[in-house]
Amino acid sequence: MKKFIGIMAIALMGFFVFLGFGGAATGPAPVDRTGFQLLDRLVIVLVKSVAPGGDSATLDQSIFRLAKDLKSAREAKRVDDLFAVRYSRLLSAVLQAAIKDPEVLFWPMYRFNMVDFIEERTGQMPDWKDLLFMVNDHGGSGVGLGAVSDAVMSEVVSLHIHLENFDRRPEILKTYLEKGMQGVGAEKKGDR
């Protein structure tokens, strides 16, 4: 009986995972290149803002324009919800990295999110002392785009891969579910 309950639990978990991913996959397929264009525009904004002679003063305006365009694209179903959430988070990370905060008022509110973002996207925990030095040394101008550049570009690549493989998600999910069910079948045979 215990084995049967375990098998049912795994089957139900697989079913819920399938529903969760299936729902995301049945969303609107990217019918145009909007998601790719949003990624391209973000990279161009970043490069222009940090290049010698670049205009970092317009970074905020450019990020807000990208956020507005993302909202329009999402409402028009030209990007899927998962892309929209992750791209929005990416814009937030960039804006927080470059935020002007001479009195270091905002840092306590977003520091853990920034550290989590960097670790999640690079696989490495940033050094607290380095981050604090950047914040304090730059007059409270955020951790700086340099500190998050690897994390930002990792997320850009990840979102690009997401867009490229959007139509294949149900196929990929089905393959993993079949492997999972085969594993359950192998366990069941081994328990006899």
N, C-alpha and C. Protein backbone atom coordinates (compact mmCIF):
# COMPACT_ATOMS: atom_id res chain seq x y z
N MET A 1 0.83 -1.19 0.00
CA MET A 1 0.00 0.00 0.00
C MET A 1 0.88 1.26 0.00
N LYS A 2 1.95 1.20 0.77
CA LYS A 2 2.85 2.34 0.86
C LYS A 2 3.46 2.64 -0.51
N LYS A 3 3.85 1.60 -1.25
CA LYS A 3 4.42 1.78 -2.59
C LYS A 3 3.40 2.37 -3.54
N PHE A 4 2.16 1.92 -3.44
CA PHE A 4 1.09 2.42 -4.30
C PHE A 4 0.88 3.91 -4.06
N ILE A 5 0.88 4.32 -2.80
CA ILE A 5 0.70 5.74 -2.47
C ILE A 5 1.86 6.55 -3.02
N GLY A 6 3.08 6.01 -2.92
CA GLY A 6 4.25 6.70 -3.46
C GLY A 6 4.15 6.87 -4.97
N ILE A 7 3.72 5.82 -5.65
CA ILE A 7 3.58 5.88 -7.11
C ILE A 7 2.51 6.88 -7.49
N MET A 8 1.40 6.88 -6.76
CA MET A 8 0.32 7.83 -7.04
C MET A 8 0.79 9.26 -6.80
N ALA A 9 1.58 9.46 -5.74
CA ALA A 9 2.08 10.80 -5.45
C ALA A 9 2.98 11.29 -6.58
N ILE A 10 3.85 10.40 -7.08
CA ILE A 10 4.73 10.77 -8.19
C ILE A 10 3.92 11.05 -9.44
N ALA A 11 2.91 10.22 -9.71
CA ALA A 11 2.07 10.42 -10.88
C ALA A 11 1.32 11.75 -10.78
N LEU A 12 0.78 12.05 -9.61
CA LEU A 12 0.08 13.32 -9.42
C LEU A 12 1.03 14.50 -9.57
N MET A 13 2.25 14.37 -9.01
CA MET A 13 3.22 15.43 -9.14
C MET A 13 3.55 15.65 -10.62
N GLY A 14 3.73 14.57 -11.36
CA GLY A 14 3.99 14.69 -12.79
C GLY A 14 2.84 15.36 -13.52
N PHE A 15 1.63 15.02 -13.13
CA PHE A 15 0.45 15.63 -13.73
C PHE A 15 0.42 17.13 -13.46
N PHE A 16 0.69 17.54 -12.21
CA PHE A 16 0.67 18.96 -11.89
C PHE A 16 1.81 19.71 -12.56
N VAL A 17 2.97 19.05 -12.67
CA VAL A 17 4.08 19.67 -13.39
C VAL A 17 3.69 19.87 -14.85
N PHE A 18 3.05 18.86 -15.42
CA PHE A 18 2.61 18.94 -16.81
C PHE A 18 1.62 20.08 -16.98
N LEU A 19 0.67 20.21 -16.04
CA LEU A 19 -0.30 21.30 -16.12
C LEU A 19 0.40 22.65 -16.01
N GLY A 20 1.35 22.73 -15.08
CA GLY A 20 2.06 23.99 -14.89
C GLY A 20 2.83 24.40 -16.14
N PHE A 21 3.60 23.48 -16.69
CA PHE A 21 4.36 23.81 -17.89
C PHE A 21 3.48 23.86 -19.12
N GLY A 22 2.49 23.02 -19.15
CA GLY A 22 1.58 23.01 -20.29
C GLY A 22 0.85 24.33 -20.41
N GLY A 23 0.45 24.91 -19.28
CA GLY A 23 -0.24 26.19 -19.30
C GLY A 23 0.66 27.28 -19.83
N ALA A 24 1.93 27.24 -19.42
CA ALA A 24 2.86 28.26 -19.89
C ALA A 24 3.14 28.06 -21.38
N ALA A 25 3.17 26.81 -21.80
CA ALA A 25 3.52 26.53 -23.19
C ALA A 25 2.37 26.81 -24.13
N THR A 26 1.13 26.80 -23.63
CA THR A 26 0.01 27.03 -24.51
C THR A 26 -0.26 28.51 -24.70
N GLY A 27 0.56 29.35 -24.08
CA GLY A 27 0.42 30.78 -24.25
C GLY A 27 0.76 31.15 -25.68
N PRO A 28 0.73 32.42 -25.95
CA PRO A 28 0.96 32.85 -27.33
C PRO A 28 2.39 32.58 -27.77
N ALA A 29 2.52 31.96 -28.91
CA ALA A 29 3.85 31.74 -29.47
C ALA A 29 4.35 33.08 -30.01
N PRO A 30 5.64 33.32 -29.91
CA PRO A 30 6.14 34.58 -30.43
C PRO A 30 5.96 34.62 -31.95
N VAL A 31 4.93 35.36 -32.38
CA VAL A 31 4.60 35.42 -33.80
C VAL A 31 5.53 36.35 -34.55
N ASP A 32 6.23 37.17 -33.83
CA ASP A 32 7.18 38.06 -34.47
C ASP A 32 8.47 38.07 -33.65
N ARG A 33 9.32 38.97 -33.92
CA ARG A 33 10.64 39.03 -33.28
C ARG A 33 10.66 40.01 -32.11
N THR A 34 9.50 40.32 -31.55
CA THR A 34 9.42 41.34 -30.50
C THR A 34 10.33 41.05 -29.32
N GLY A 35 10.32 39.83 -28.81
CA GLY A 35 11.17 39.49 -27.67
C GLY A 35 12.64 39.66 -28.00
N PHE A 36 13.04 39.19 -29.16
CA PHE A 36 14.44 39.35 -29.59
C PHE A 36 14.80 40.83 -29.73
N GLN A 37 13.86 41.62 -30.27
CA GLN A 37 14.11 43.05 -30.43
C GLN A 37 14.26 43.75 -29.08
N LEU A 38 13.45 43.35 -28.10
CA LEU A 38 13.57 43.92 -26.76
C LEU A 38 14.94 43.60 -26.16
N LEU A 39 15.40 42.38 -26.35
CA LEU A 39 16.73 42.00 -25.85
C LEU A 39 17.82 42.81 -26.54
N ASP A 40 17.72 42.92 -27.86
CA ASP A 40 18.72 43.70 -28.62
C ASP A 40 18.76 45.15 -28.15
N ARG A 41 17.60 45.74 -27.98
CA ARG A 41 17.54 47.14 -27.56
C ARG A 41 18.14 47.33 -26.17
N LEU A 42 17.90 46.39 -25.27
CA LEU A 42 18.48 46.50 -23.92
C LEU A 42 20.00 46.46 -23.98
N VAL A 43 20.55 45.54 -24.75
CA VAL A 43 22.01 45.44 -24.86
C VAL A 43 22.58 46.71 -25.46
N ILE A 44 21.93 47.26 -26.46
CA ILE A 44 22.40 48.51 -27.07
C ILE A 44 22.38 49.65 -26.05
N VAL A 45 21.31 49.73 -25.27
CA VAL A 45 21.21 50.76 -24.23
C VAL A 45 22.35 50.62 -23.23
N LEU A 46 22.63 49.40 -22.81
CA LEU A 46 23.69 49.17 -21.84
C LEU A 46 25.06 49.54 -22.39
N VAL A 47 25.34 49.12 -23.60
CA VAL A 47 26.64 49.40 -24.20
C VAL A 47 26.82 50.91 -24.38
N LYS A 48 25.77 51.58 -24.86
CA LYS A 48 25.88 53.03 -25.04
C LYS A 48 26.09 53.76 -23.72
N SER A 49 25.46 53.27 -22.66
CA SER A 49 25.55 53.98 -21.38
C SER A 49 26.90 53.82 -20.70
N VAL A 50 27.62 52.73 -20.98
CA VAL A 50 28.91 52.52 -20.32
C VAL A 50 30.10 52.78 -21.23
N ALA A 51 29.85 53.01 -22.51
CA ALA A 51 30.93 53.28 -23.45
C ALA A 51 31.57 54.63 -23.15
N PRO A 52 32.86 54.79 -23.46
CA PRO A 52 33.50 56.10 -23.27
C PRO A 52 32.71 57.17 -24.03
N GLY A 53 32.39 58.22 -23.31
CA GLY A 53 31.60 59.29 -23.92
C GLY A 53 30.12 58.96 -23.98
N GLY A 54 29.75 57.82 -23.41
CA GLY A 54 28.35 57.40 -23.42
C GLY A 54 27.52 58.27 -22.51
N ASP A 55 26.24 58.20 -22.70
CA ASP A 55 25.32 59.04 -21.94
C ASP A 55 24.55 58.18 -20.95
N SER A 56 25.14 57.99 -19.77
CA SER A 56 24.47 57.20 -18.75
C SER A 56 23.29 57.93 -18.13
N ALA A 57 23.20 59.25 -18.37
CA ALA A 57 22.09 60.02 -17.82
C ALA A 57 20.76 59.61 -18.43
N THR A 58 20.78 59.11 -19.64
CA THR A 58 19.53 58.72 -20.29
C THR A 58 19.19 57.24 -20.04
N LEU A 59 19.99 56.56 -19.24
CA LEU A 59 19.74 55.14 -18.98
C LEU A 59 18.36 54.93 -18.37
N ASP A 60 18.02 55.73 -17.37
CA ASP A 60 16.71 55.58 -16.72
C ASP A 60 15.58 55.70 -17.74
N GLN A 61 15.64 56.74 -18.57
CA GLN A 61 14.59 56.95 -19.57
C GLN A 61 14.51 55.78 -20.54
N SER A 62 15.66 55.27 -20.94
CA SER A 62 15.68 54.14 -21.88
C SER A 62 15.09 52.88 -21.25
N ILE A 63 15.40 52.63 -19.99
CA ILE A 63 14.86 51.46 -19.30
C ILE A 63 13.34 51.59 -19.15
N PHE A 64 12.88 52.78 -18.79
CA PHE A 64 11.43 52.99 -18.66
C PHE A 64 10.73 52.84 -20.01
N ARG A 65 11.37 53.27 -21.09
CA ARG A 65 10.80 53.10 -22.43
C ARG A 65 10.71 51.61 -22.77
N LEU A 66 11.76 50.86 -22.44
CA LEU A 66 11.73 49.41 -22.68
C LEU A 66 10.63 48.74 -21.86
N ALA A 67 10.46 49.19 -20.61
CA ALA A 67 9.41 48.62 -19.77
C ALA A 67 8.03 48.91 -20.35
N LYS A 68 7.84 50.10 -20.86
CA LYS A 68 6.56 50.46 -21.49
C LYS A 68 6.32 49.62 -22.74
N ASP A 69 7.37 49.44 -23.55
CA ASP A 69 7.24 48.62 -24.76
C ASP A 69 6.98 47.16 -24.41
N LEU A 70 7.59 46.69 -23.33
CA LEU A 70 7.33 45.31 -22.87
C LEU A 70 5.87 45.16 -22.48
N LYS A 71 5.36 46.12 -21.75
CA LYS A 71 3.95 46.06 -21.33
C LYS A 71 3.02 46.02 -22.54
N SER A 72 3.30 46.85 -23.52
CA SER A 72 2.48 46.86 -24.75
C SER A 72 2.57 45.53 -25.48
N ALA A 73 3.78 45.00 -25.57
CA ALA A 73 3.97 43.71 -26.26
C ALA A 73 3.25 42.58 -25.53
N ARG A 74 3.29 42.62 -24.21
CA ARG A 74 2.62 41.58 -23.42
C ARG A 74 1.11 41.66 -23.59
N GLU A 75 0.59 42.88 -23.54
CA GLU A 75 -0.85 43.06 -23.72
C GLU A 75 -1.30 42.64 -25.11
N ALA A 76 -0.46 42.85 -26.11
CA ALA A 76 -0.77 42.47 -27.48
C ALA A 76 -0.46 41.00 -27.75
N LYS A 77 -0.01 40.27 -26.72
CA LYS A 77 0.33 38.84 -26.83
C LYS A 77 1.46 38.58 -27.82
N ARG A 78 2.40 39.54 -27.91
CA ARG A 78 3.55 39.36 -28.80
C ARG A 78 4.73 38.76 -28.06
N VAL A 79 4.66 38.70 -26.73
CA VAL A 79 5.62 37.96 -25.90
C VAL A 79 4.82 37.16 -24.88
N ASP A 80 5.38 36.03 -24.46
CA ASP A 80 4.68 35.20 -23.49
C ASP A 80 4.91 35.74 -22.08
N ASP A 81 4.10 35.27 -21.15
CA ASP A 81 4.13 35.78 -19.78
C ASP A 81 5.47 35.51 -19.09
N LEU A 82 6.04 34.34 -19.30
CA LEU A 82 7.32 34.01 -18.66
C LEU A 82 8.42 34.96 -19.13
N PHE A 83 8.48 35.20 -20.43
CA PHE A 83 9.45 36.16 -20.95
C PHE A 83 9.23 37.52 -20.32
N ALA A 84 7.98 37.96 -20.26
CA ALA A 84 7.66 39.29 -19.74
C ALA A 84 8.10 39.44 -18.28
N VAL A 85 7.86 38.43 -17.47
CA VAL A 85 8.24 38.51 -16.06
C VAL A 85 9.76 38.57 -15.92
N ARG A 86 10.45 37.71 -16.63
CA ARG A 86 11.91 37.66 -16.52
C ARG A 86 12.57 38.90 -17.11
N TYR A 87 12.05 39.41 -18.22
CA TYR A 87 12.60 40.62 -18.83
C TYR A 87 12.36 41.82 -17.92
N SER A 88 11.21 41.88 -17.32
CA SER A 88 10.89 42.96 -16.38
C SER A 88 11.87 42.93 -15.20
N ARG A 89 12.15 41.74 -14.69
CA ARG A 89 13.11 41.60 -13.59
C ARG A 89 14.51 42.04 -14.04
N LEU A 90 14.84 41.73 -15.26
CA LEU A 90 16.13 42.14 -15.82
C LEU A 90 16.23 43.67 -15.89
N LEU A 91 15.18 44.32 -16.36
CA LEU A 91 15.17 45.78 -16.40
C LEU A 91 15.32 46.36 -15.00
N SER A 92 14.65 45.74 -14.04
CA SER A 92 14.73 46.20 -12.66
C SER A 92 16.16 46.07 -12.13
N ALA A 93 16.83 44.97 -12.43
CA ALA A 93 18.21 44.77 -11.97
C ALA A 93 19.13 45.82 -12.56
N VAL A 94 18.95 46.12 -13.84
CA VAL A 94 19.79 47.13 -14.49
C VAL A 94 19.55 48.50 -13.86
N LEU A 95 18.30 48.82 -13.67
CA LEU A 95 17.97 50.12 -13.08
C LEU A 95 18.50 50.25 -11.66
N GLN A 96 18.37 49.18 -10.88
CA GLN A 96 18.88 49.21 -9.51
C GLN A 96 20.40 49.31 -9.47
N ALA A 97 21.05 48.69 -10.45
CA ALA A 97 22.52 48.75 -10.48
C ALA A 97 23.01 50.17 -10.74
N ALA A 98 22.21 50.94 -11.48
CA ALA A 98 22.64 52.28 -11.87
C ALA A 98 21.93 53.39 -11.09
N ILE A 99 21.12 53.02 -10.12
CA ILE A 99 20.30 54.00 -9.40
C ILE A 99 21.17 55.06 -8.72
N LYS A 100 20.72 56.26 -8.75
CA LYS A 100 21.42 57.37 -8.10
C LYS A 100 20.88 57.47 -6.67
N ASP A 101 21.74 57.23 -5.72
CA ASP A 101 21.33 57.21 -4.31
C ASP A 101 22.50 57.70 -3.45
N PRO A 102 22.81 59.00 -3.52
CA PRO A 102 24.00 59.51 -2.84
C PRO A 102 24.02 59.27 -1.34
N GLU A 103 22.88 59.17 -0.71
CA GLU A 103 22.83 58.95 0.74
C GLU A 103 22.69 57.47 1.09
N VAL A 104 22.75 56.60 0.09
CA VAL A 104 22.66 55.15 0.25
C VAL A 104 21.38 54.77 1.01
N LEU A 105 20.28 55.37 0.60
CA LEU A 105 18.99 55.08 1.24
C LEU A 105 18.33 53.83 0.66
N PHE A 106 18.47 53.61 -0.63
CA PHE A 106 17.79 52.48 -1.27
C PHE A 106 18.51 51.16 -1.10
N TRP A 107 19.82 51.19 -0.97
CA TRP A 107 20.65 49.99 -0.91
C TRP A 107 20.14 48.95 0.08
N PRO A 108 19.78 49.31 1.31
CA PRO A 108 19.30 48.29 2.24
C PRO A 108 18.04 47.56 1.76
N MET A 109 17.25 48.22 0.92
CA MET A 109 16.01 47.61 0.46
C MET A 109 16.21 46.63 -0.70
N TYR A 110 17.22 46.84 -1.51
CA TYR A 110 17.36 45.96 -2.67
C TYR A 110 18.63 45.12 -2.69
N ARG A 111 19.47 45.26 -1.69
CA ARG A 111 20.77 44.58 -1.73
C ARG A 111 20.66 43.07 -1.81
N PHE A 112 19.75 42.48 -1.07
CA PHE A 112 19.64 41.02 -1.09
C PHE A 112 19.09 40.52 -2.43
N ASN A 113 18.17 41.27 -3.00
CA ASN A 113 17.66 40.90 -4.32
C ASN A 113 18.75 40.98 -5.38
N MET A 114 19.60 42.00 -5.27
CA MET A 114 20.68 42.15 -6.23
C MET A 114 21.69 41.01 -6.09
N VAL A 115 22.02 40.68 -4.86
CA VAL A 115 22.96 39.57 -4.61
C VAL A 115 22.36 38.26 -5.13
N ASP A 116 21.08 38.03 -4.86
CA ASP A 116 20.41 36.82 -5.35
C ASP A 116 20.42 36.76 -6.87
N PHE A 117 20.15 37.88 -7.51
CA PHE A 117 20.14 37.94 -8.97
C PHE A 117 21.52 37.58 -9.53
N ILE A 118 22.55 38.18 -8.96
CA ILE A 118 23.91 37.92 -9.44
C ILE A 118 24.27 36.45 -9.25
N GLU A 119 23.97 35.91 -8.07
CA GLU A 119 24.30 34.51 -7.80
C GLU A 119 23.50 33.56 -8.69
N GLU A 120 22.23 33.85 -8.85
CA GLU A 120 21.36 32.99 -9.66
C GLU A 120 21.80 32.94 -11.12
N ARG A 121 22.24 34.06 -11.65
CA ARG A 121 22.59 34.12 -13.06
C ARG A 121 24.04 33.74 -13.34
N THR A 122 24.94 33.89 -12.35
CA THR A 122 26.35 33.57 -12.60
C THR A 122 26.80 32.29 -11.90
N GLY A 123 26.06 31.87 -10.90
CA GLY A 123 26.45 30.70 -10.13
C GLY A 123 27.44 31.01 -9.02
N GLN A 124 27.76 32.28 -8.85
CA GLN A 124 28.74 32.66 -7.83
C GLN A 124 28.16 33.76 -6.94
N MET A 125 28.38 33.59 -5.65
CA MET A 125 27.94 34.60 -4.69
C MET A 125 28.91 35.78 -4.76
N PRO A 126 28.39 36.99 -4.99
CA PRO A 126 29.29 38.14 -5.01
C PRO A 126 29.82 38.44 -3.62
N ASP A 127 30.98 39.02 -3.57
CA ASP A 127 31.61 39.36 -2.30
C ASP A 127 30.95 40.61 -1.73
N TRP A 128 30.46 40.51 -0.50
CA TRP A 128 29.77 41.64 0.14
C TRP A 128 30.68 42.86 0.22
N LYS A 129 31.93 42.65 0.56
CA LYS A 129 32.84 43.78 0.70
C LYS A 129 33.01 44.52 -0.62
N ASP A 130 33.10 43.77 -1.71
CA ASP A 130 33.23 44.41 -3.02
C ASP A 130 31.98 45.21 -3.36
N LEU A 131 30.81 44.62 -3.09
CA LEU A 131 29.56 45.34 -3.38
C LEU A 131 29.44 46.60 -2.54
N LEU A 132 29.74 46.49 -1.27
CA LEU A 132 29.65 47.66 -0.39
C LEU A 132 30.63 48.74 -0.82
N PHE A 133 31.83 48.33 -1.23
CA PHE A 133 32.82 49.29 -1.70
C PHE A 133 32.28 50.03 -2.93
N MET A 134 31.68 49.28 -3.86
CA MET A 134 31.14 49.89 -5.07
C MET A 134 30.04 50.89 -4.73
N VAL A 135 29.16 50.50 -3.84
CA VAL A 135 28.06 51.39 -3.47
C VAL A 135 28.59 52.64 -2.79
N ASN A 136 29.46 52.47 -1.82
CA ASN A 136 29.97 53.61 -1.08
C ASN A 136 30.96 54.44 -1.89
N ASP A 137 31.80 53.79 -2.68
CA ASP A 137 32.82 54.48 -3.45
C ASP A 137 32.22 55.34 -4.56
N HIS A 138 31.09 54.92 -5.07
CA HIS A 138 30.46 55.65 -6.17
C HIS A 138 29.38 56.61 -5.67
N GLY A 139 29.48 57.02 -4.45
CA GLY A 139 28.52 57.98 -3.92
C GLY A 139 27.11 57.45 -3.89
N GLY A 140 26.99 56.15 -3.72
CA GLY A 140 25.66 55.56 -3.63
C GLY A 140 24.99 55.38 -4.98
N SER A 141 25.77 55.23 -6.03
CA SER A 141 25.16 55.09 -7.35
C SER A 141 24.88 53.64 -7.70
N GLY A 142 24.45 52.86 -6.74
CA GLY A 142 24.14 51.46 -6.99
C GLY A 142 25.40 50.63 -7.06
N VAL A 143 25.25 49.35 -7.32
CA VAL A 143 26.41 48.48 -7.39
C VAL A 143 27.17 48.68 -8.69
N GLY A 144 26.57 49.42 -9.58
CA GLY A 144 27.23 49.68 -10.85
C GLY A 144 26.94 48.59 -11.87
N LEU A 145 26.86 49.00 -13.11
CA LEU A 145 26.55 48.06 -14.18
C LEU A 145 27.65 47.02 -14.34
N GLY A 146 28.89 47.40 -14.03
CA GLY A 146 29.99 46.45 -14.13
C GLY A 146 29.81 45.25 -13.22
N ALA A 147 29.26 45.49 -12.04
CA ALA A 147 29.08 44.40 -11.07
C ALA A 147 28.00 43.42 -11.49
N VAL A 148 27.05 43.88 -12.28
CA VAL A 148 25.96 42.99 -12.68
C VAL A 148 26.02 42.60 -14.15
N SER A 149 27.05 43.05 -14.86
CA SER A 149 27.09 42.81 -16.30
C SER A 149 27.07 41.33 -16.67
N ASP A 150 27.84 40.51 -15.96
CA ASP A 150 27.82 39.07 -16.26
C ASP A 150 26.43 38.47 -16.03
N ALA A 151 25.81 38.86 -14.91
CA ALA A 151 24.48 38.36 -14.58
C ALA A 151 23.45 38.82 -15.62
N VAL A 152 23.54 40.08 -16.02
CA VAL A 152 22.61 40.63 -17.01
C VAL A 152 22.75 39.89 -18.33
N MET A 153 23.98 39.73 -18.79
CA MET A 153 24.18 39.07 -20.09
C MET A 153 23.81 37.59 -20.03
N SER A 154 24.01 36.96 -18.88
CA SER A 154 23.57 35.57 -18.72
C SER A 154 22.06 35.47 -18.87
N GLU A 155 21.35 36.42 -18.29
CA GLU A 155 19.88 36.41 -18.41
C GLU A 155 19.44 36.75 -19.83
N VAL A 156 20.15 37.63 -20.49
CA VAL A 156 19.83 37.94 -21.89
C VAL A 156 19.95 36.68 -22.74
N VAL A 157 21.05 35.95 -22.56
CA VAL A 157 21.25 34.70 -23.31
C VAL A 157 20.16 33.68 -22.96
N SER A 158 19.86 33.57 -21.69
CA SER A 158 18.83 32.62 -21.25
C SER A 158 17.47 32.96 -21.86
N LEU A 159 17.12 34.24 -21.89
CA LEU A 159 15.85 34.64 -22.50
C LEU A 159 15.86 34.41 -24.01
N HIS A 160 17.00 34.61 -24.64
CA HIS A 160 17.12 34.32 -26.07
C HIS A 160 16.85 32.84 -26.33
N ILE A 161 17.45 31.98 -25.53
CA ILE A 161 17.24 30.54 -25.67
C ILE A 161 15.77 30.19 -25.41
N HIS A 162 15.17 30.84 -24.43
CA HIS A 162 13.74 30.64 -24.15
C HIS A 162 12.90 30.95 -25.39
N LEU A 163 13.19 32.07 -26.03
CA LEU A 163 12.43 32.45 -27.22
C LEU A 163 12.66 31.48 -28.37
N GLU A 164 13.90 31.05 -28.54
CA GLU A 164 14.20 30.12 -29.63
C GLU A 164 13.51 28.77 -29.46
N ASN A 165 13.32 28.36 -28.22
CA ASN A 165 12.78 27.03 -27.95
C ASN A 165 11.32 27.04 -27.47
N PHE A 166 10.67 28.17 -27.60
CA PHE A 166 9.31 28.30 -27.09
C PHE A 166 8.38 27.23 -27.65
N ASP A 167 8.42 27.01 -28.94
CA ASP A 167 7.52 26.04 -29.57
C ASP A 167 7.86 24.60 -29.20
N ARG A 168 9.08 24.35 -28.77
CA ARG A 168 9.51 22.99 -28.42
C ARG A 168 9.22 22.62 -26.97
N ARG A 169 8.77 23.58 -26.15
CA ARG A 169 8.55 23.33 -24.72
C ARG A 169 7.64 22.12 -24.46
N PRO A 170 6.48 22.01 -25.11
CA PRO A 170 5.63 20.84 -24.83
C PRO A 170 6.32 19.52 -25.17
N GLU A 171 7.07 19.51 -26.26
CA GLU A 171 7.80 18.30 -26.68
C GLU A 171 8.87 17.94 -25.64
N ILE A 172 9.61 18.94 -25.18
CA ILE A 172 10.66 18.71 -24.19
C ILE A 172 10.05 18.22 -22.88
N LEU A 173 8.97 18.85 -22.45
CA LEU A 173 8.29 18.46 -21.21
C LEU A 173 7.79 17.02 -21.31
N LYS A 174 7.20 16.68 -22.44
CA LYS A 174 6.67 15.32 -22.62
C LYS A 174 7.80 14.30 -22.50
N THR A 175 8.95 14.59 -23.07
CA THR A 175 10.10 13.69 -22.99
C THR A 175 10.51 13.45 -21.54
N TYR A 176 10.57 14.51 -20.75
CA TYR A 176 10.96 14.37 -19.34
C TYR A 176 9.89 13.62 -18.55
N LEU A 177 8.64 13.89 -18.82
CA LEU A 177 7.58 13.17 -18.11
C LEU A 177 7.60 11.68 -18.44
N GLU A 178 7.86 11.36 -19.70
CA GLU A 178 7.96 9.95 -20.09
C GLU A 178 9.13 9.28 -19.37
N LYS A 179 10.27 9.96 -19.29
CA LYS A 179 11.42 9.41 -18.58
C LYS A 179 11.08 9.21 -17.10
N GLY A 180 10.37 10.17 -16.53
CA GLY A 180 9.96 10.05 -15.12
C GLY A 180 9.05 8.87 -14.90
N MET A 181 8.11 8.70 -15.80
CA MET A 181 7.18 7.58 -15.66
C MET A 181 7.89 6.25 -15.89
N GLN A 182 8.87 6.22 -16.79
CA GLN A 182 9.66 5.00 -16.99
C GLN A 182 10.44 4.68 -15.73
N GLY A 183 10.95 5.71 -15.06
CA GLY A 183 11.67 5.51 -13.81
C GLY A 183 10.76 4.94 -12.74
N VAL A 184 9.52 5.41 -12.69
CA VAL A 184 8.56 4.88 -11.73
C VAL A 184 8.26 3.42 -12.05
N GLY A 185 8.13 3.12 -13.35
CA GLY A 185 7.88 1.74 -13.76
C GLY A 185 9.04 0.84 -13.40
N ALA A 186 10.27 1.33 -13.55
CA ALA A 186 11.46 0.54 -13.21
C ALA A 186 11.51 0.29 -11.71
N GLU A 187 11.16 1.30 -10.91
CA GLU A 187 11.13 1.11 -9.46
C GLU A 187 10.09 0.08 -9.07
N LYS A 188 8.93 0.17 -9.73
CA LYS A 188 7.83 -0.75 -9.40
C LYS A 188 8.25 -2.19 -9.69
N LYS A 189 8.93 -2.42 -10.84
CA LYS A 189 9.38 -3.76 -11.18
C LYS A 189 10.43 -4.25 -10.20
N GLY A 190 11.31 -3.34 -9.77
CA GLY A 190 12.37 -3.69 -8.83
C GLY A 190 11.86 -3.99 -7.44
N ASP A 191 10.69 -3.48 -7.08
CA ASP A 191 10.12 -3.69 -5.74
C ASP A 191 9.46 -5.07 -5.59
N ARG A 192 9.19 -5.73 -6.69
CA ARG A 192 8.48 -7.01 -6.61
C ARG A 192 9.31 -8.11 -6.07
